[in-house]
Structures are given as structure tokens and as C-alpha cells.
């Protein structure tokens, strides 16, 4: 095995994070106006925030809720 591939693997290991760390970011989302004039802006911002937080799969239904009989799983999902 060439020594160059070993150093590349070592460099890749140094660059790869050992554990994912979540950074908490404050989002300033606009509120939906009572008359709905800012719906498009509100919808885009809310969608982006939910995707960023990893919650969009719950909204679009690709991750269905657990059966209510499994109370612990349902509480975690909620």
C-alpha cells in the first residue's frame, strides 16, 4: 500500500468530526399577518426552519406518528 494513501486516510480522520455537535441557533421567524399578506414569506421561512431542524419529515408525513399504544414512542415523537 502506498504511503500517500495512509497519510490521506489520516488527514481524512482528522477532518471528520468524532461526534456531531448541534449548534443552537435562534431563528427570528416572521408571524403570519391576520390578513395573510405575507403568507409566501412566512411559508418559505417556516419551511426552511423546519427542514434545518430536521422536522420536515414529520410535516410531510414521511415519518408517521407511532401507534398511541406505545406511549413512550408517541411522547418522543410529539
Protein backbone atom coordinates (compact mmCIF):
# COMPACT_ATOMS: atom_id res chain seq x y z
CA UNK A 1 0.00 0.00 0.00
CA UNK A 2 1.49 3.38 -0.93
CA UNK A 3 2.37 5.67 1.95
CA UNK A 4 0.40 8.50 0.31
CA UNK A 5 -2.89 6.69 0.84
CA UNK A 6 -2.10 6.25 4.54
CA UNK A 7 -1.49 9.96 5.01
CA UNK A 8 -4.70 10.74 3.11
CA UNK A 9 -6.65 8.43 5.41
CA UNK A 10 -5.04 10.04 8.45
CA UNK A 11 -5.89 13.51 7.14
CA UNK A 12 -9.49 12.45 6.46
CA UNK A 13 -9.77 11.11 10.01
CA UNK A 14 -8.51 14.43 11.38
CA UNK A 15 -11.02 16.39 9.31
CA UNK A 16 -14.01 14.17 10.16
CA UNK A 17 -15.75 15.19 13.38
CA UNK A 18 -15.74 12.49 16.01
CA UNK A 19 -19.21 13.41 17.22
CA UNK A 20 -21.80 15.70 15.73
CA UNK A 21 -22.34 18.75 17.85
CA UNK A 22 -25.53 20.71 17.45
CA UNK A 23 -25.34 24.44 17.48
CA UNK A 24 -28.37 26.19 18.83
CA UNK A 25 -29.38 28.99 16.54
CA UNK A 26 -32.06 31.50 17.33
CA UNK A 27 -34.48 31.93 14.47
CA UNK A 28 -36.43 35.14 14.10
CA UNK A 29 -39.44 33.98 12.12
CA UNK A 30 -41.99 36.46 10.97
CA UNK A 31 -45.53 35.97 12.16
CA UNK A 32 -48.30 35.40 9.69
CA UNK A 33 -50.35 38.58 9.23
CA UNK A 34 -54.03 38.34 10.10
CA UNK A 35 -54.94 39.17 6.51
CA UNK A 36 -52.36 36.75 5.07
CA UNK A 37 -50.46 39.38 3.05
CA UNK A 38 -47.09 37.89 4.00
CA UNK A 39 -48.07 34.23 3.52
CA UNK A 40 -45.39 33.45 0.91
CA UNK A 41 -42.57 34.86 3.05
CA UNK A 42 -43.91 33.17 6.21
CA UNK A 43 -44.33 29.84 4.42
CA UNK A 44 -40.81 29.84 2.93
CA UNK A 45 -39.16 30.85 6.20
CA UNK A 46 -41.10 28.30 8.24
CA UNK A 47 -40.40 25.52 5.75
CA UNK A 48 -36.67 26.29 5.73
CA UNK A 49 -36.53 26.36 9.53
CA UNK A 50 -38.35 23.03 9.84
CA UNK A 51 -36.03 21.42 7.26
CA UNK A 52 -32.97 22.84 9.03
CA UNK A 53 -34.14 21.44 12.36
CA UNK A 54 -34.87 18.03 10.78
CA UNK A 55 -38.61 18.22 11.40
CA UNK A 56 -39.90 18.46 7.85
CA UNK A 57 -40.36 14.69 7.53
CA UNK A 58 -43.00 14.89 10.27
CA UNK A 59 -44.84 17.65 8.42
CA UNK A 60 -44.79 15.97 5.01
CA UNK A 61 -45.87 12.64 6.50
CA UNK A 62 -42.82 10.57 5.62
CA UNK A 63 -42.38 9.87 9.35
CA UNK A 64 -45.82 8.88 10.62
CA UNK A 65 -46.70 9.09 14.28
CA UNK A 66 -46.19 5.91 16.32
CA UNK A 67 -49.24 4.00 17.44
CA UNK A 68 -50.76 5.57 20.57
CA UNK A 69 -50.45 2.23 22.39
CA UNK A 70 -46.67 2.82 22.57
CA UNK A 71 -46.91 5.84 24.88
CA UNK A 72 -43.15 6.38 25.22
CA UNK A 73 -42.53 6.40 21.47
CA UNK A 74 -45.51 8.65 20.86
CA UNK A 75 -44.33 11.11 23.53
CA UNK A 76 -40.85 11.23 21.98
CA UNK A 77 -42.33 11.76 18.51
CA UNK A 78 -44.58 14.53 19.82
